[in-house]
mmCIF file of all heavy atoms, coordinates in Angstrom:
data_MODEL
# 
_entry.id   MODEL 
# 
loop_
_atom_site.group_PDB 
_atom_site.id 
_atom_site.type_symbol 
_atom_site.label_atom_id 
_atom_site.label_alt_id 
_atom_site.label_comp_id 
_atom_site.label_asym_id 
_atom_site.label_entity_id 
_atom_site.label_seq_id 
_atom_site.pdbx_PDB_ins_code 
_atom_site.Cartn_x 
_atom_site.Cartn_y 
_atom_site.Cartn_z 
_atom_site.occupancy 
_atom_site.B_iso_or_equiv 
_atom_site.pdbx_formal_charge 
_atom_site.auth_seq_id 
_atom_site.auth_comp_id 
_atom_site.auth_asym_id 
_atom_site.auth_atom_id 
_atom_site.pdbx_PDB_model_num 
ATOM 1   N N   . ASP A 1 1  ? 0.809  -1.218  0.000   1.00 0.00 ? 1  ASP A N   1 
ATOM 2   C CA  . ASP A 1 1  ? 0.000  0.000   0.000   1.00 0.00 ? 1  ASP A CA  1 
ATOM 3   C C   . ASP A 1 1  ? 0.847  1.275   0.000   1.00 0.00 ? 1  ASP A C   1 
ATOM 4   O O   . ASP A 1 1  ? 0.333  2.376   0.214   1.00 0.00 ? 1  ASP A O   1 
ATOM 5   C CB  . ASP A 1 1  ? -0.970 0.007   1.192   1.00 0.00 ? 1  ASP A CB  1 
ATOM 6   C CG  . ASP A 1 1  ? -0.256 -0.068  2.542   1.00 0.00 ? 1  ASP A CG  1 
ATOM 7   O OD1 . ASP A 1 1  ? 0.991  -0.085  2.562   1.00 0.00 ? 1  ASP A OD1 1 
ATOM 8   O OD2 . ASP A 1 1  ? -0.946 -0.124  3.577   1.00 0.00 ? 1  ASP A OD2 1 
ATOM 9   N N   . GLY A 1 2  ? 2.175  1.132   -0.237  1.00 0.00 ? 2  GLY A N   1 
ATOM 10  C CA  . GLY A 1 2  ? 3.016  2.308   -0.442  1.00 0.00 ? 2  GLY A CA  1 
ATOM 11  C C   . GLY A 1 2  ? 3.687  2.876   0.791   1.00 0.00 ? 2  GLY A C   1 
ATOM 12  O O   . GLY A 1 2  ? 4.395  3.889   0.690   1.00 0.00 ? 2  GLY A O   1 
ATOM 13  N N   . ARG A 1 3  ? 3.547  2.257   1.958   1.00 0.00 ? 3  ARG A N   1 
ATOM 14  C CA  . ARG A 1 3  ? 4.245  2.732   3.153   1.00 0.00 ? 3  ARG A CA  1 
ATOM 15  C C   . ARG A 1 3  ? 5.712  2.324   3.083   1.00 0.00 ? 3  ARG A C   1 
ATOM 16  O O   . ARG A 1 3  ? 6.056  1.293   2.512   1.00 0.00 ? 3  ARG A O   1 
ATOM 17  C CB  . ARG A 1 3  ? 3.617  2.155   4.420   1.00 0.00 ? 3  ARG A CB  1 
ATOM 18  C CG  . ARG A 1 3  ? 2.200  2.598   4.690   1.00 0.00 ? 3  ARG A CG  1 
ATOM 19  C CD  . ARG A 1 3  ? 1.555  1.705   5.724   1.00 0.00 ? 3  ARG A CD  1 
ATOM 20  N NE  . ARG A 1 3  ? 2.269  1.755   7.005   1.00 0.00 ? 3  ARG A NE  1 
ATOM 21  C CZ  . ARG A 1 3  ? 2.302  0.738   7.874   1.00 0.00 ? 3  ARG A CZ  1 
ATOM 22  N NH1 . ARG A 1 3  ? 1.689  -0.411  7.598   1.00 0.00 ? 3  ARG A NH1 1 
ATOM 23  N NH2 . ARG A 1 3  ? 2.949  0.854   9.016   1.00 0.00 ? 3  ARG A NH2 1 
ATOM 24  N N   . LEU A 1 4  ? 6.576  3.143   3.692   1.00 0.00 ? 4  LEU A N   1 
ATOM 25  C CA  . LEU A 1 4  ? 7.996  2.831   3.782   1.00 0.00 ? 4  LEU A CA  1 
ATOM 26  C C   . LEU A 1 4  ? 8.345  2.545   5.238   1.00 0.00 ? 4  LEU A C   1 
ATOM 27  O O   . LEU A 1 4  ? 8.079  3.371   6.122   1.00 0.00 ? 4  LEU A O   1 
ATOM 28  C CB  . LEU A 1 4  ? 8.847  3.996   3.262   1.00 0.00 ? 4  LEU A CB  1 
ATOM 29  C CG  . LEU A 1 4  ? 8.712  4.330   1.779   1.00 0.00 ? 4  LEU A CG  1 
ATOM 30  C CD1 . LEU A 1 4  ? 9.590  5.542   1.431   1.00 0.00 ? 4  LEU A CD1 1 
ATOM 31  C CD2 . LEU A 1 4  ? 9.093  3.143   0.903   1.00 0.00 ? 4  LEU A CD2 1 
ATOM 32  N N   . LEU A 1 5  ? 8.942  1.381   5.490   1.00 0.00 ? 5  LEU A N   1 
ATOM 33  C CA  . LEU A 1 5  ? 9.326  0.966   6.833   1.00 0.00 ? 5  LEU A CA  1 
ATOM 34  C C   . LEU A 1 5  ? 10.825 0.739   6.867   1.00 0.00 ? 5  LEU A C   1 
ATOM 35  O O   . LEU A 1 5  ? 11.379 0.090   5.970   1.00 0.00 ? 5  LEU A O   1 
ATOM 36  C CB  . LEU A 1 5  ? 8.599  -0.324  7.226   1.00 0.00 ? 5  LEU A CB  1 
ATOM 37  C CG  . LEU A 1 5  ? 7.078  -0.327  7.116   1.00 0.00 ? 5  LEU A CG  1 
ATOM 38  C CD1 . LEU A 1 5  ? 6.532  -1.718  7.456   1.00 0.00 ? 5  LEU A CD1 1 
ATOM 39  C CD2 . LEU A 1 5  ? 6.473  0.716   8.046   1.00 0.00 ? 5  LEU A CD2 1 
ATOM 40  N N   . MET A 1 6  ? 11.502 1.250   7.897   1.00 0.00 ? 6  MET A N   1 
ATOM 41  C CA  . MET A 1 6  ? 12.961 1.168   7.951   1.00 0.00 ? 6  MET A CA  1 
ATOM 42  C C   . MET A 1 6  ? 13.458 0.551   9.244   1.00 0.00 ? 6  MET A C   1 
ATOM 43  O O   . MET A 1 6  ? 12.922 0.784   10.320  1.00 0.00 ? 6  MET A O   1 
ATOM 44  C CB  . MET A 1 6  ? 13.575 2.562   7.803   1.00 0.00 ? 6  MET A CB  1 
ATOM 45  C CG  . MET A 1 6  ? 15.097 2.564   7.800   1.00 0.00 ? 6  MET A CG  1 
ATOM 46  S SD  . MET A 1 6  ? 15.790 4.239   7.710   1.00 0.00 ? 6  MET A SD  1 
ATOM 47  C CE  . MET A 1 6  ? 15.469 4.828   9.385   1.00 0.00 ? 6  MET A CE  1 
ATOM 48  N N   . THR A 1 7  ? 14.525 -0.245  9.097   1.00 0.00 ? 7  THR A N   1 
ATOM 49  C CA  . THR A 1 7  ? 15.271 -0.742  10.244  1.00 0.00 ? 7  THR A CA  1 
ATOM 50  C C   . THR A 1 7  ? 16.754 -0.580  9.935   1.00 0.00 ? 7  THR A C   1 
ATOM 51  O O   . THR A 1 7  ? 17.134 -0.429  8.771   1.00 0.00 ? 7  THR A O   1 
ATOM 52  C CB  . THR A 1 7  ? 14.917 -2.211  10.548  1.00 0.00 ? 7  THR A CB  1 
ATOM 53  O OG1 . THR A 1 7  ? 15.565 -2.618  11.754  1.00 0.00 ? 7  THR A OG1 1 
ATOM 54  C CG2 . THR A 1 7  ? 15.358 -3.126  9.417   1.00 0.00 ? 7  THR A CG2 1 
ATOM 55  N N   . GLU A 1 8  ? 17.591 -0.597  10.961  1.00 0.00 ? 8  GLU A N   1 
ATOM 56  C CA  . GLU A 1 8  ? 19.021 -0.334  10.738  1.00 0.00 ? 8  GLU A CA  1 
ATOM 57  C C   . GLU A 1 8  ? 19.887 -1.106  11.719  1.00 0.00 ? 8  GLU A C   1 
ATOM 58  O O   . GLU A 1 8  ? 19.423 -1.569  12.768  1.00 0.00 ? 8  GLU A O   1 
ATOM 59  C CB  . GLU A 1 8  ? 19.309 1.160   10.867  1.00 0.00 ? 8  GLU A CB  1 
ATOM 60  C CG  . GLU A 1 8  ? 19.049 1.702   12.260  1.00 0.00 ? 8  GLU A CG  1 
ATOM 61  C CD  . GLU A 1 8  ? 19.044 3.215   12.312  1.00 0.00 ? 8  GLU A CD  1 
ATOM 62  O OE1 . GLU A 1 8  ? 18.132 3.833   11.733  1.00 0.00 ? 8  GLU A OE1 1 
ATOM 63  O OE2 . GLU A 1 8  ? 19.959 3.774   12.958  1.00 0.00 ? 8  GLU A OE2 1 
ATOM 64  N N   . ALA A 1 9  ? 21.165 -1.222  11.360  1.00 0.00 ? 9  ALA A N   1 
ATOM 65  C CA  . ALA A 1 9  ? 22.172 -1.830  12.234  1.00 0.00 ? 9  ALA A CA  1 
ATOM 66  C C   . ALA A 1 9  ? 23.468 -1.055  12.048  1.00 0.00 ? 9  ALA A C   1 
ATOM 67  O O   . ALA A 1 9  ? 23.780 -0.625  10.933  1.00 0.00 ? 9  ALA A O   1 
ATOM 68  C CB  . ALA A 1 9  ? 22.373 -3.302  11.892  1.00 0.00 ? 9  ALA A CB  1 
ATOM 69  N N   . TYR A 1 10 ? 24.210 -0.887  13.130  1.00 0.00 ? 10 TYR A N   1 
ATOM 70  C CA  . TYR A 1 10 ? 25.484 -0.164  13.057  1.00 0.00 ? 10 TYR A CA  1 
ATOM 71  C C   . TYR A 1 10 ? 26.614 -1.177  12.904  1.00 0.00 ? 10 TYR A C   1 
ATOM 72  O O   . TYR A 1 10 ? 26.710 -2.134  13.679  1.00 0.00 ? 10 TYR A O   1 
ATOM 73  C CB  . TYR A 1 10 ? 25.702 0.682   14.310  1.00 0.00 ? 10 TYR A CB  1 
ATOM 74  C CG  . TYR A 1 10 ? 26.819 1.696   14.167  1.00 0.00 ? 10 TYR A CG  1 
ATOM 75  C CD1 . TYR A 1 10 ? 26.612 2.886   13.474  1.00 0.00 ? 10 TYR A CD1 1 
ATOM 76  C CD2 . TYR A 1 10 ? 28.079 1.465   14.714  1.00 0.00 ? 10 TYR A CD2 1 
ATOM 77  C CE1 . TYR A 1 10 ? 27.625 3.814   13.331  1.00 0.00 ? 10 TYR A CE1 1 
ATOM 78  C CE2 . TYR A 1 10 ? 29.101 2.394   14.576  1.00 0.00 ? 10 TYR A CE2 1 
ATOM 79  C CZ  . TYR A 1 10 ? 28.861 3.570   13.885  1.00 0.00 ? 10 TYR A CZ  1 
ATOM 80  O OH  . TYR A 1 10 ? 29.881 4.490   13.740  1.00 0.00 ? 10 TYR A OH  1 
ATOM 81  N N   . VAL A 1 11 ? 27.443 -0.988  11.878  1.00 0.00 ? 11 VAL A N   1 
ATOM 82  C CA  . VAL A 1 11 ? 28.539 -1.914  11.585  1.00 0.00 ? 11 VAL A CA  1 
ATOM 83  C C   . VAL A 1 11 ? 29.872 -1.192  11.697  1.00 0.00 ? 11 VAL A C   1 
ATOM 84  O O   . VAL A 1 11 ? 30.061 -0.124  11.097  1.00 0.00 ? 11 VAL A O   1 
ATOM 85  C CB  . VAL A 1 11 ? 28.390 -2.516  10.170  1.00 0.00 ? 11 VAL A CB  1 
ATOM 86  C CG1 . VAL A 1 11 ? 29.581 -3.413  9.846   1.00 0.00 ? 11 VAL A CG1 1 
ATOM 87  C CG2 . VAL A 1 11 ? 27.096 -3.314  10.072  1.00 0.00 ? 11 VAL A CG2 1 
ATOM 88  N N   . LYS A 1 12 ? 30.790 -1.792  12.459  1.00 0.00 ? 12 LYS A N   1 
ATOM 89  C CA  . LYS A 1 12 ? 32.139 -1.250  12.578  1.00 0.00 ? 12 LYS A CA  1 
ATOM 90  C C   . LYS A 1 12 ? 33.062 -1.995  11.617  1.00 0.00 ? 12 LYS A C   1 
ATOM 91  O O   . LYS A 1 12 ? 33.399 -3.157  11.835  1.00 0.00 ? 12 LYS A O   1 
ATOM 92  C CB  . LYS A 1 12 ? 32.635 -1.381  14.019  1.00 0.00 ? 12 LYS A CB  1 
ATOM 93  C CG  . LYS A 1 12 ? 31.822 -0.562  15.025  1.00 0.00 ? 12 LYS A CG  1 
ATOM 94  C CD  . LYS A 1 12 ? 32.346 -0.718  16.450  1.00 0.00 ? 12 LYS A CD  1 
ATOM 95  C CE  . LYS A 1 12 ? 31.547 0.127   17.420  1.00 0.00 ? 12 LYS A CE  1 
ATOM 96  N NZ  . LYS A 1 12 ? 32.056 -0.013  18.816  1.00 0.00 ? 12 LYS A NZ  1 
ATOM 97  N N   . ALA A 1 13 ? 33.430 -1.335  10.549  1.00 0.00 ? 13 ALA A N   1 
ATOM 98  C CA  . ALA A 1 13 ? 34.319 -1.907  9.537   1.00 0.00 ? 13 ALA A CA  1 
ATOM 99  C C   . ALA A 1 13 ? 34.856 -0.745  8.716   1.00 0.00 ? 13 ALA A C   1 
ATOM 100 O O   . ALA A 1 13 ? 34.277 0.342   8.707   1.00 0.00 ? 13 ALA A O   1 
ATOM 101 C CB  . ALA A 1 13 ? 33.592 -2.900  8.645   1.00 0.00 ? 13 ALA A CB  1 
ATOM 102 N N   . ALA A 1 14 ? 35.965 -0.966  8.019   1.00 0.00 ? 14 ALA A N   1 
ATOM 103 C CA  . ALA A 1 14 ? 36.552 0.115   7.224   1.00 0.00 ? 14 ALA A CA  1 
ATOM 104 C C   . ALA A 1 14 ? 37.357 -0.460  6.069   1.00 0.00 ? 14 ALA A C   1 
ATOM 105 O O   . ALA A 1 14 ? 37.980 -1.521  6.189   1.00 0.00 ? 14 ALA A O   1 
ATOM 106 C CB  . ALA A 1 14 ? 37.447 0.999   8.103   1.00 0.00 ? 14 ALA A CB  1 
ATOM 107 N N   . GLY A 1 15 ? 37.344 0.267   4.944   1.00 0.00 ? 15 GLY A N   1 
ATOM 108 C CA  . GLY A 1 15 ? 38.184 -0.081  3.804   1.00 0.00 ? 15 GLY A CA  1 
ATOM 109 C C   . GLY A 1 15 ? 37.599 -1.092  2.847   1.00 0.00 ? 15 GLY A C   1 
ATOM 110 O O   . GLY A 1 15 ? 38.269 -1.525  1.908   1.00 0.00 ? 15 GLY A O   1 
ATOM 111 N N   . GLY A 1 16 ? 36.338 -1.464  3.019   1.00 0.00 ? 16 GLY A N   1 
ATOM 112 C CA  . GLY A 1 16 ? 35.761 -2.520  2.198   1.00 0.00 ? 16 GLY A CA  1 
ATOM 113 C C   . GLY A 1 16 ? 35.627 -2.177  0.725   1.00 0.00 ? 16 GLY A C   1 
ATOM 114 O O   . GLY A 1 16 ? 35.726 -3.057  -0.129  1.00 0.00 ? 16 GLY A O   1 
ATOM 115 N N   . CYS A 1 17 ? 35.409 -0.902  0.409   1.00 0.00 ? 17 CYS A N   1 
ATOM 116 C CA  . CYS A 1 17 ? 35.205 -0.528  -0.998  1.00 0.00 ? 17 CYS A CA  1 
ATOM 117 C C   . CYS A 1 17 ? 36.511 -0.472  -1.788  1.00 0.00 ? 17 CYS A C   1 
ATOM 118 O O   . CYS A 1 17 ? 36.496 -0.565  -3.017  1.00 0.00 ? 17 CYS A O   1 
ATOM 119 C CB  . CYS A 1 17 ? 34.481 0.815   -1.093  1.00 0.00 ? 17 CYS A CB  1 
ATOM 120 S SG  . CYS A 1 17 ? 32.778 0.736   -0.500  1.00 0.00 ? 17 CYS A SG  1 
ATOM 121 N N   . SER A 1 18 ? 37.627 -0.315  -1.105  1.00 0.00 ? 18 SER A N   1 
ATOM 122 C CA  . SER A 1 18 ? 38.923 -0.254  -1.791  1.00 0.00 ? 18 SER A CA  1 
ATOM 123 C C   . SER A 1 18 ? 39.771 -1.497  -1.545  1.00 0.00 ? 18 SER A C   1 
ATOM 124 O O   . SER A 1 18 ? 40.896 -1.591  -2.049  1.00 0.00 ? 18 SER A O   1 
ATOM 125 C CB  . SER A 1 18 ? 39.702 0.984   -1.332  1.00 0.00 ? 18 SER A CB  1 
ATOM 126 O OG  . SER A 1 18 ? 39.906 0.966   0.073   1.00 0.00 ? 18 SER A OG  1 
ATOM 127 N N   . ALA A 1 19 ? 39.245 -2.461  -0.798  1.00 0.00 ? 19 ALA A N   1 
ATOM 128 C CA  . ALA A 1 19 ? 39.999 -3.682  -0.495  1.00 0.00 ? 19 ALA A CA  1 
ATOM 129 C C   . ALA A 1 19 ? 40.260 -4.478  -1.774  1.00 0.00 ? 19 ALA A C   1 
ATOM 130 O O   . ALA A 1 19 ? 39.387 -4.587  -2.631  1.00 0.00 ? 19 ALA A O   1 
ATOM 131 C CB  . ALA A 1 19 ? 39.233 -4.540  0.503   1.00 0.00 ? 19 ALA A CB  1 
ATOM 132 N N   . PRO A 1 20 ? 41.462 -5.034  -1.938  1.00 0.00 ? 20 PRO A N   1 
ATOM 133 C CA  . PRO A 1 20 ? 41.757 -5.820  -3.139  1.00 0.00 ? 20 PRO A CA  1 
ATOM 134 C C   . PRO A 1 20 ? 40.901 -7.080  -3.196  1.00 0.00 ? 20 PRO A C   1 
ATOM 135 O O   . PRO A 1 20 ? 40.449 -7.595  -2.176  1.00 0.00 ? 20 PRO A O   1 
ATOM 136 C CB  . PRO A 1 20 ? 43.237 -6.168  -2.981  1.00 0.00 ? 20 PRO A CB  1 
ATOM 137 C CG  . PRO A 1 20 ? 43.507 -6.073  -1.508  1.00 0.00 ? 20 PRO A CG  1 
ATOM 138 C CD  . PRO A 1 20 ? 42.607 -4.985  -1.009  1.00 0.00 ? 20 PRO A CD  1 
ATOM 139 N N   . ALA A 1 21 ? 40.673 -7.563  -4.408  1.00 0.00 ? 21 ALA A N   1 
ATOM 140 C CA  . ALA A 1 21 ? 39.877 -8.772  -4.591  1.00 0.00 ? 21 ALA A CA  1 
ATOM 141 C C   . ALA A 1 21 ? 40.572 -9.963  -3.948  1.00 0.00 ? 21 ALA A C   1 
ATOM 142 O O   . ALA A 1 21 ? 41.802 -10.026 -3.875  1.00 0.00 ? 21 ALA A O   1 
ATOM 143 C CB  . ALA A 1 21 ? 39.656 -9.023  -6.076  1.00 0.00 ? 21 ALA A CB  1 
ATOM 144 N N   . VAL A 1 22 ? 39.775 -10.916 -3.487  1.00 0.00 ? 22 VAL A N   1 
ATOM 145 C CA  . VAL A 1 22 ? 40.321 -12.122 -2.866  1.00 0.00 ? 22 VAL A CA  1 
ATOM 146 C C   . VAL A 1 22 ? 40.955 -13.024 -3.917  1.00 0.00 ? 22 VAL A C   1 
ATOM 147 O O   . VAL A 1 22 ? 42.031 -13.574 -3.719  1.00 0.00 ? 22 VAL A O   1 
ATOM 148 C CB  . VAL A 1 22 ? 39.209 -12.877 -2.106  1.00 0.00 ? 22 VAL A CB  1 
ATOM 149 C CG1 . VAL A 1 22 ? 39.729 -14.205 -1.581  1.00 0.00 ? 22 VAL A CG1 1 
ATOM 150 C CG2 . VAL A 1 22 ? 38.675 -12.015 -0.966  1.00 0.00 ? 22 VAL A CG2 1 
ATOM 151 N N   . LYS A 1 23 ? 40.293 -13.154 -5.067  1.00 0.00 ? 23 LYS A N   1 
ATOM 152 C CA  . LYS A 1 23 ? 40.764 -14.068 -6.104  1.00 0.00 ? 23 LYS A CA  1 
ATOM 153 C C   . LYS A 1 23 ? 41.795 -13.400 -7.004  1.00 0.00 ? 23 LYS A C   1 
ATOM 154 O O   . LYS A 1 23 ? 41.808 -12.179 -7.189  1.00 0.00 ? 23 LYS A O   1 
ATOM 155 C CB  . LYS A 1 23 ? 39.583 -14.549 -6.945  1.00 0.00 ? 23 LYS A CB  1 
ATOM 156 C CG  . LYS A 1 23 ? 38.649 -15.490 -6.211  1.00 0.00 ? 23 LYS A CG  1 
ATOM 157 C CD  . LYS A 1 23 ? 37.531 -15.948 -7.118  1.00 0.00 ? 23 LYS A CD  1 
ATOM 158 C CE  . LYS A 1 23 ? 36.606 -16.929 -6.402  1.00 0.00 ? 23 LYS A CE  1 
ATOM 159 N NZ  . LYS A 1 23 ? 35.446 -17.306 -7.220  1.00 0.00 ? 23 LYS A NZ  1 
ATOM 160 N N   . ASP A 1 24 ? 42.649 -14.237 -7.583  1.00 0.00 ? 24 ASP A N   1 
ATOM 161 C CA  . ASP A 1 24 ? 43.590 -13.773 -8.596  1.00 0.00 ? 24 ASP A CA  1 
ATOM 162 C C   . ASP A 1 24 ? 42.797 -13.230 -9.784  1.00 0.00 ? 24 ASP A C   1 
ATOM 163 O O   . ASP A 1 24 ? 41.810 -13.836 -10.208 1.00 0.00 ? 24 ASP A O   1 
ATOM 164 C CB  . ASP A 1 24 ? 44.466 -14.948 -9.034  1.00 0.00 ? 24 ASP A CB  1 
ATOM 165 C CG  . ASP A 1 24 ? 45.374 -14.571 -10.182 1.00 0.00 ? 24 ASP A CG  1 
ATOM 166 O OD1 . ASP A 1 24 ? 46.453 -14.034 -9.910  1.00 0.00 ? 24 ASP A OD1 1 
ATOM 167 O OD2 . ASP A 1 24 ? 44.992 -14.817 -11.349 1.00 0.00 ? 24 ASP A OD2 1 
ATOM 168 N N   . PRO A 1 25 ? 43.210 -12.064 -10.351 1.00 0.00 ? 25 PRO A N   1 
ATOM 169 C CA  . PRO A 1 25 ? 42.443 -11.460 -11.450 1.00 0.00 ? 25 PRO A CA  1 
ATOM 170 C C   . PRO A 1 25 ? 42.223 -12.399 -12.636 1.00 0.00 ? 25 PRO A C   1 
ATOM 171 O O   . PRO A 1 25 ? 41.136 -12.424 -13.214 1.00 0.00 ? 25 PRO A O   1 
ATOM 172 C CB  . PRO A 1 25 ? 43.297 -10.249 -11.845 1.00 0.00 ? 25 PRO A CB  1 
ATOM 173 C CG  . PRO A 1 25 ? 44.046 -9.900  -10.603 1.00 0.00 ? 25 PRO A CG  1 
ATOM 174 C CD  . PRO A 1 25 ? 44.333 -11.211 -9.930  1.00 0.00 ? 25 PRO A CD  1 
ATOM 175 N N   . GLN A 1 26 ? 43.252 -13.173 -13.008 1.00 0.00 ? 26 GLN A N   1 
ATOM 176 C CA  . GLN A 1 26 ? 43.101 -14.078 -14.137 1.00 0.00 ? 26 GLN A CA  1 
ATOM 177 C C   . GLN A 1 26 ? 42.099 -15.188 -13.819 1.00 0.00 ? 26 GLN A C   1 
ATOM 178 O O   . GLN A 1 26 ? 41.274 -15.570 -14.667 1.00 0.00 ? 26 GLN A O   1 
ATOM 179 C CB  . GLN A 1 26 ? 44.457 -14.673 -14.524 1.00 0.00 ? 26 GLN A CB  1 
ATOM 180 C CG  . GLN A 1 26 ? 45.410 -13.655 -15.141 1.00 0.00 ? 26 GLN A CG  1 
ATOM 181 C CD  . GLN A 1 26 ? 46.709 -14.284 -15.614 1.00 0.00 ? 26 GLN A CD  1 
ATOM 182 O OE1 . GLN A 1 26 ? 47.078 -15.380 -15.191 1.00 0.00 ? 26 GLN A OE1 1 
ATOM 183 N NE2 . GLN A 1 26 ? 47.415 -13.586 -16.496 1.00 0.00 ? 26 GLN A NE2 1 
ATOM 184 N N   . GLU A 1 27 ? 42.158 -15.701 -12.603 1.00 0.00 ? 27 GLU A N   1 
ATOM 185 C CA  . GLU A 1 27 ? 41.203 -16.727 -12.195 1.00 0.00 ? 27 GLU A CA  1 
ATOM 186 C C   . GLU A 1 27 ? 39.792 -16.159 -12.179 1.00 0.00 ? 27 GLU A C   1 
ATOM 187 O O   . GLU A 1 27 ? 38.832 -16.810 -12.622 1.00 0.00 ? 27 GLU A O   1 
ATOM 188 C CB  . GLU A 1 27 ? 41.557 -17.255 -10.798 1.00 0.00 ? 27 GLU A CB  1 
ATOM 189 C CG  . GLU A 1 27 ? 40.567 -18.291 -10.268 1.00 0.00 ? 27 GLU A CG  1 
ATOM 190 C CD  . GLU A 1 27 ? 40.784 -18.619 -8.801  1.00 0.00 ? 27 GLU A CD  1 
ATOM 191 O OE1 . GLU A 1 27 ? 41.786 -18.148 -8.235  1.00 0.00 ? 27 GLU A OE1 1 
ATOM 192 O OE2 . GLU A 1 27 ? 39.934 -19.331 -8.236  1.00 0.00 ? 27 GLU A OE2 1 
ATOM 193 N N   . ALA A 1 28 ? 39.661 -14.932 -11.686 1.00 0.00 ? 28 ALA A N   1 
ATOM 194 C CA  . ALA A 1 28 ? 38.346 -14.305 -11.615 1.00 0.00 ? 28 ALA A CA  1 
ATOM 195 C C   . ALA A 1 28 ? 37.738 -14.127 -13.003 1.00 0.00 ? 28 ALA A C   1 
ATOM 196 O O   . ALA A 1 28 ? 36.547 -14.395 -13.204 1.00 0.00 ? 28 ALA A O   1 
ATOM 197 C CB  . ALA A 1 28 ? 38.451 -12.959 -10.905 1.00 0.00 ? 28 ALA A CB  1 
ATOM 198 N N   . MET A 1 29 ? 38.552 -13.697 -13.966 1.00 0.00 ? 29 MET A N   1 
ATOM 199 C CA  . MET A 1 29 ? 38.033 -13.495 -15.319 1.00 0.00 ? 29 MET A CA  1 
ATOM 200 C C   . MET A 1 29 ? 37.716 -14.824 -15.999 1.00 0.00 ? 29 MET A C   1 
ATOM 201 O O   . MET A 1 29 ? 36.789 -14.917 -16.803 1.00 0.00 ? 29 MET A O   1 
ATOM 202 C CB  . MET A 1 29 ? 39.032 -12.695 -16.148 1.00 0.00 ? 29 MET A CB  1 
ATOM 203 C CG  . MET A 1 29 ? 39.207 -11.256 -15.679 1.00 0.00 ? 29 MET A CG  1 
ATOM 204 S SD  . MET A 1 29 ? 37.636 -10.348 -15.492 1.00 0.00 ? 29 MET A SD  1 
ATOM 205 C CE  . MET A 1 29 ? 37.078 -10.291 -17.198 1.00 0.00 ? 29 MET A CE  1 
ATOM 206 N N   . ALA A 1 30 ? 38.471 -15.863 -15.672 1.00 0.00 ? 30 ALA A N   1 
ATOM 207 C CA  . ALA A 1 30 ? 38.203 -17.178 -16.255 1.00 0.00 ? 30 ALA A CA  1 
ATOM 208 C C   . ALA A 1 30 ? 36.862 -17.731 -15.776 1.00 0.00 ? 30 ALA A C   1 
ATOM 209 O O   . ALA A 1 30 ? 36.205 -18.497 -16.496 1.00 0.00 ? 30 ALA A O   1 
ATOM 210 C CB  . ALA A 1 30 ? 39.323 -18.144 -15.905 1.00 0.00 ? 30 ALA A CB  1 
# 
C-alpha cells in the first residue's frame, strides 16, 4: 500500500570498498 518501513544496524568496519579482490584477477576473469 506504499508505506515505507525502515530498520538499521550499526557496523564497525573500514576499507571494504577499496579492499583488493580475494581471487587472482586471471582466475576471476576465467
